[in-house]
Each structure stands twice: as C-alpha cells, then as structure tokens.
C-alpha cells in the first residue's frame, strides 16, 4: 500500500481525493485515530525500478497529488517510495507514530515551502591596461585581486543580512546550494517585498566606493513542505 501524505482527520471531508488521479489507479483514505492517510492500493514503487521514464513519471505524479491536496489543506508530505506490505502494516505504523505525525502536521499548519534562488550582478572591474609592464602590471594585478576580495566580502555580508532578516521573522530555512535557499514561510507571506527592502537597505548602508552588488532573485510557487517534514518529525519524536 503506497502512502503519499498525512492530514489531520478533521481535514478528510475537505479533500475530495476521488477527483485526483493516482499514479496507477485511484486514491483512497485510510484512518487511524486522528490521522488520515492518502494512499493508493496496487501501486508497487519497485515497479518503476527498471525504467527511468516510468520512475520520473511516477515522481512527477507523486508531487502532483501532494500539490493538489496541499492547495486545499495542511498536509504532511512523505517522500516518494513510501509504501507498506499491507493495510494492516500501515495502520500499525500510524498507531505507533501518531503523536509525532500529529505534532508535525500542527507545526505545518498554514505553512508553505518556497524555493529562493539568488544571483548577484556585479559591477565590472576596469581591465588592466595592456601597456602596463613589469612592476606596474603586478601592482595593478594585485589591486584588481584585492577589489575582487572586497566584492566577495560584500556578497557574504549581503547574504548574512538577508538570512538574519528572514530568521528574525521566524522563517526556517536551509541552504540547498550556493545562493539557493529553501524557506518554510507562512502561506501568502510577501517574500518579494521583503527582498526589495533588503536590497534597498544594503544600498543605504553601503557608503564605500566599492562596486555595489545588484541582486536578482527567483521565487517558486508555494509548495508542500517536502524538505522540512523529516526535520519536524525528528523534533516531534524528541518531545
């Protein structure tokens, strides 16, 4: 039995999952205590193991189903490939871990995951004049290297200021790659305005003659909190 995600039992009547196509068949509910589980019977994830195209299609469908449910209600998304040998095994698992799952669902209420990608447009440095030779050339090369170091320092300062501002707003985050952050925000949080204020504050605080960094960004749509679910479950188990 394939498991997509979990919701609070009270949310079941708000989600008409029969209108959402599963990976290979129909979706249905399984209930245990205060938990509702979105499942698909008859889809073995291992069936995709030998076909890259089938695997990609299944992963895309998994995300589509979670996004459809997330658009309506708070959901604890589970990673692709979460399945149980039988319905009984699933129910036993939900009974055993119910408290941790419910705590994680409560922590995600009205929350969304957002992908934020940054890139800096740096001012071009003056090229070293071709006529410079010997000591003059090496001095110019040294000055250019120092200027590049200053630019990197200012980029690091900019990043640190942004992360501090987001943290002060209670936003959880982690860095997926350089200048690519995943944020756990309140739904409908105006991240665009926050980034514009950050950009403005950096221009106001920089009184040096160093080249200014102009940041541009790309913000994803609101997504189910895929990358925060595991961490929340770990915290819930520690309580």
Protein backbone atom coordinates (compact mmCIF):
# COMPACT_ATOMS: atom_id res chain seq x y z
CA UNK A 1 0.00 0.00 0.00
CA UNK A 2 1.54 3.25 -1.24
CA UNK A 3 1.42 6.27 1.08
CA UNK A 4 1.51 9.88 -0.20
CA UNK A 5 0.92 12.02 2.85
CA UNK A 6 -0.93 12.54 6.09
CA UNK A 7 -3.53 15.04 7.26
CA UNK A 8 -5.50 15.64 10.42
CA UNK A 9 -8.63 13.52 10.37
CA UNK A 10 -10.82 16.62 10.51
CA UNK A 11 -9.49 17.63 7.07
CA UNK A 12 -10.64 14.48 5.30
CA UNK A 13 -14.08 15.81 4.37
CA UNK A 14 -12.48 18.89 2.78
CA UNK A 15 -10.35 16.82 0.39
CA UNK A 16 -12.18 15.03 -2.39
CA UNK A 17 -9.31 12.78 -3.40
CA UNK A 18 -11.53 10.68 -5.65
CA UNK A 19 -11.20 13.53 -8.16
CA UNK A 20 -7.39 13.23 -8.17
CA UNK A 21 -5.79 10.56 -10.35
CA UNK A 22 -3.22 8.37 -8.66
CA UNK A 23 -0.02 7.08 -10.22
CA UNK A 24 -1.58 3.85 -11.44
CA UNK A 25 -5.10 3.82 -10.02
CA UNK A 26 -7.48 5.52 -7.63
CA UNK A 27 -6.64 7.24 -4.36
CA UNK A 28 -8.38 6.43 -1.11
CA UNK A 29 -8.31 7.20 2.61
CA UNK A 30 -7.11 5.12 5.50
CA UNK A 31 -7.83 6.40 9.00
CA UNK A 32 -6.15 5.75 12.31
CA UNK A 33 -7.09 7.74 15.39
CA UNK A 34 -6.82 11.42 14.45
CA UNK A 35 -4.83 10.74 11.29
CA UNK A 36 -5.99 10.48 7.70
CA UNK A 37 -3.65 8.85 5.18
CA UNK A 38 -3.81 9.40 1.41
CA UNK A 39 -2.99 6.03 -0.13
CA UNK A 40 -3.05 4.14 -3.40
CA UNK A 41 -3.57 0.41 -3.34
CA UNK A 42 -1.97 -1.58 -6.12
CA UNK A 43 0.99 0.66 -6.97
CA UNK A 44 4.29 -1.00 -6.03
CA UNK A 45 7.01 1.65 -6.21
CA UNK A 46 9.55 -1.04 -7.10
CA UNK A 47 7.71 -1.48 -10.40
CA UNK A 48 9.50 1.68 -11.61
CA UNK A 49 12.96 0.48 -10.63
CA UNK A 50 13.90 -0.80 -14.08
CA UNK A 51 12.51 2.07 -16.13
CA UNK A 52 13.87 5.59 -15.79
CA UNK A 53 10.95 7.04 -17.77
CA UNK A 54 8.40 5.28 -15.55
CA UNK A 55 10.27 6.40 -12.43
CA UNK A 56 10.29 10.05 -13.50
CA UNK A 57 6.60 9.89 -14.40
CA UNK A 58 5.77 8.36 -11.01
CA UNK A 59 7.77 11.01 -9.11
CA UNK A 60 6.04 13.80 -11.05
CA UNK A 61 2.65 12.23 -10.28
CA UNK A 62 3.58 11.89 -6.60
CA UNK A 63 4.35 15.61 -6.46
CA UNK A 64 1.20 16.49 -8.41
CA UNK A 65 -1.00 14.61 -5.97
CA UNK A 66 0.60 16.22 -2.93
CA UNK A 67 0.35 19.68 -4.51
CA UNK A 68 -3.35 19.14 -5.24
CA UNK A 69 -4.01 18.20 -1.61
CA UNK A 70 -1.76 20.97 -0.28
CA UNK A 71 -3.75 23.59 -2.22
CA UNK A 72 -6.76 22.78 -0.05
CA UNK A 73 -5.46 21.64 3.32
CA UNK A 74 -2.39 21.28 5.54
CA UNK A 75 -0.61 18.06 4.63
CA UNK A 76 2.49 16.26 5.86
CA UNK A 77 4.09 15.12 2.58
CA UNK A 78 6.03 11.87 2.61
CA UNK A 79 8.91 11.05 0.33
CA UNK A 80 8.43 9.16 -2.91
CA UNK A 81 8.54 5.40 -2.44
CA UNK A 82 6.87 5.22 0.99
CA UNK A 83 4.88 2.00 0.94
CA UNK A 84 3.74 -0.79 3.23
CA UNK A 85 3.35 -4.50 2.70
CA UNK A 86 -0.31 -4.42 3.72
CA UNK A 87 -3.06 -2.20 5.04
CA UNK A 88 -2.56 -3.73 8.47
CA UNK A 89 1.13 -2.79 8.42
CA UNK A 90 0.20 0.79 7.51
CA UNK A 91 -2.39 1.08 10.30
CA UNK A 92 0.07 -0.33 12.86
CA UNK A 93 2.68 2.19 11.74
CA UNK A 94 0.23 5.08 12.06
CA UNK A 95 -0.87 3.94 15.51
CA UNK A 96 2.73 3.69 16.70
CA UNK A 97 3.79 7.10 15.34
CA UNK A 98 0.53 9.02 15.66
CA UNK A 99 1.72 11.57 18.23
CA UNK A 100 4.81 12.52 16.20
CA UNK A 101 2.80 12.78 12.98
CA UNK A 102 0.12 14.95 14.57
CA UNK A 103 2.73 17.28 16.08
CA UNK A 104 4.39 17.66 12.69
CA UNK A 105 1.05 18.40 10.98
CA UNK A 106 0.25 21.02 13.62
CA UNK A 107 3.68 22.63 13.10
CA UNK A 108 2.99 22.88 9.35
CA UNK A 109 -0.43 24.47 9.68
CA UNK A 110 -0.73 27.40 7.24
CA UNK A 111 2.92 26.90 6.22
CA UNK A 112 4.44 26.52 2.77
CA UNK A 113 7.85 25.73 1.37
CA UNK A 114 9.36 28.27 -1.00
CA UNK A 115 12.48 27.94 -3.13
CA UNK A 116 14.53 31.14 -3.32
CA UNK A 117 17.36 31.44 -5.85
CA UNK A 118 19.64 34.48 -5.76
CA UNK A 119 22.20 35.79 -8.20
CA UNK A 120 24.32 38.92 -7.98
CA UNK A 121 25.01 41.21 -10.88
CA UNK A 122 28.44 42.61 -10.10
CA UNK A 123 29.89 45.83 -11.43
CA UNK A 124 32.60 45.11 -14.00
CA UNK A 125 36.14 45.90 -12.90
CA UNK A 126 38.34 48.05 -15.06
CA UNK A 127 40.64 45.89 -17.19
CA UNK A 128 44.37 46.20 -16.68
CA UNK A 129 45.79 48.46 -19.42
CA UNK A 130 47.69 46.44 -21.99
CA UNK A 131 50.61 48.87 -21.91
CA UNK A 132 51.46 48.19 -18.26
CA UNK A 133 54.60 46.14 -17.83
CA UNK A 134 56.74 44.82 -15.02
CA UNK A 135 56.14 46.25 -11.54
CA UNK A 136 53.27 48.48 -12.70
CA UNK A 137 51.45 45.45 -14.12
CA UNK A 138 51.86 43.39 -10.94
CA UNK A 139 50.65 46.29 -8.77
CA UNK A 140 47.57 46.68 -10.97
CA UNK A 141 47.00 42.92 -10.81
CA UNK A 142 47.27 43.00 -7.01
CA UNK A 143 44.80 45.88 -6.78
CA UNK A 144 42.35 44.00 -9.01
CA UNK A 145 42.66 40.90 -6.82
CA UNK A 146 42.01 42.96 -3.68
CA UNK A 147 38.97 44.52 -5.31
CA UNK A 148 37.60 41.06 -6.11
CA UNK A 149 38.10 40.05 -2.49
CA UNK A 150 36.15 43.13 -1.39
CA UNK A 151 33.32 42.15 -3.73
CA UNK A 152 33.20 38.62 -2.27
CA UNK A 153 33.16 40.06 1.25
CA UNK A 154 30.23 42.32 0.34
CA UNK A 155 28.36 39.38 -1.19
CA UNK A 156 28.83 37.42 2.02
CA UNK A 157 27.64 40.42 4.03
CA UNK A 158 24.55 40.74 1.86
CA UNK A 159 23.70 37.05 2.30
CA UNK A 160 24.20 37.19 6.05
CA UNK A 161 21.94 40.24 6.35
CA UNK A 162 19.16 38.58 4.35
CA UNK A 163 19.31 35.34 6.33
CA UNK A 164 19.24 37.28 9.60
CA UNK A 165 16.23 39.30 8.49
CA UNK A 166 14.35 36.15 7.48
CA UNK A 167 15.30 34.41 10.71
CA UNK A 168 14.05 37.41 12.69
CA UNK A 169 10.68 36.87 11.02
CA UNK A 170 10.57 33.30 12.29
CA UNK A 171 11.23 31.76 8.88
CA UNK A 172 13.01 28.41 8.91
CA UNK A 173 15.47 27.82 6.10
CA UNK A 174 18.39 25.82 4.87
CA UNK A 175 20.83 26.27 2.02
CA UNK A 176 20.31 23.69 -0.71
CA UNK A 177 23.18 25.06 -2.82
CA UNK A 178 25.13 28.29 -3.12
CA UNK A 179 22.54 31.11 -3.22
CA UNK A 180 19.67 28.60 -3.32
CA UNK A 181 17.59 28.54 -0.14
CA UNK A 182 14.52 26.61 0.90
CA UNK A 183 12.24 28.55 3.23
CA UNK A 184 9.35 27.48 5.44
CA UNK A 185 7.05 30.51 5.45
CA UNK A 186 3.51 31.39 6.40
CA UNK A 187 1.23 30.97 3.43
CA UNK A 188 0.80 34.21 1.47
CA UNK A 189 3.97 35.65 3.03
CA UNK A 190 5.10 38.58 0.86
CA UNK A 191 8.67 37.46 0.24
CA UNK A 192 9.02 39.76 -2.78
CA UNK A 193 8.53 42.87 -0.64
CA UNK A 194 10.99 41.59 1.96
CA UNK A 195 13.64 41.08 -0.73
CA UNK A 196 13.04 44.56 -2.12
CA UNK A 197 13.52 46.08 1.35
CA UNK A 198 16.69 44.02 1.81
CA UNK A 199 18.07 45.31 -1.48
CA UNK A 200 17.23 48.90 -0.52
CA UNK A 201 18.77 48.63 2.96
CA UNK A 202 22.03 47.39 1.52
CA UNK A 203 22.24 50.32 -0.82
CA UNK A 204 21.62 52.72 2.08
CA UNK A 205 24.15 51.09 4.40
CA UNK A 206 26.98 50.95 1.86
CA UNK A 207 28.87 54.25 1.97
CA UNK A 208 32.11 52.98 0.44
CA UNK A 209 33.37 53.42 -3.07
CA UNK A 210 33.35 49.68 -3.66
CA UNK A 211 31.24 48.33 -6.55
CA UNK A 212 27.64 47.74 -5.47
CA UNK A 213 26.07 44.31 -5.90
CA UNK A 214 22.70 44.25 -7.59
CA UNK A 215 20.83 41.12 -6.58
CA UNK A 216 18.14 39.44 -8.61
CA UNK A 217 16.00 36.55 -7.39
CA UNK A 218 13.65 33.81 -8.47
CA UNK A 219 10.86 32.71 -6.12
CA UNK A 220 8.97 29.45 -6.59
CA UNK A 221 5.26 28.93 -6.07
CA UNK A 222 4.15 27.79 -2.63
CA UNK A 223 4.91 24.09 -2.28
CA UNK A 224 4.17 21.33 0.22
CA UNK A 225 6.96 21.40 2.84
CA UNK A 226 8.84 18.41 1.43
CA UNK A 227 12.24 19.30 2.84
CA UNK A 228 11.05 20.26 6.33
CA UNK A 229 8.83 17.27 7.11
CA UNK A 230 11.66 14.96 8.13
CA UNK A 231 13.19 17.54 10.47
CA UNK A 232 9.83 18.24 12.09
CA UNK A 233 9.21 14.54 12.60
CA UNK A 234 12.60 14.18 14.28
CA UNK A 235 11.82 17.07 16.59
CA UNK A 236 8.38 15.67 17.35
CA UNK A 237 9.89 12.31 18.31
CA UNK A 238 12.24 14.06 20.73
CA UNK A 239 9.39 15.74 22.65
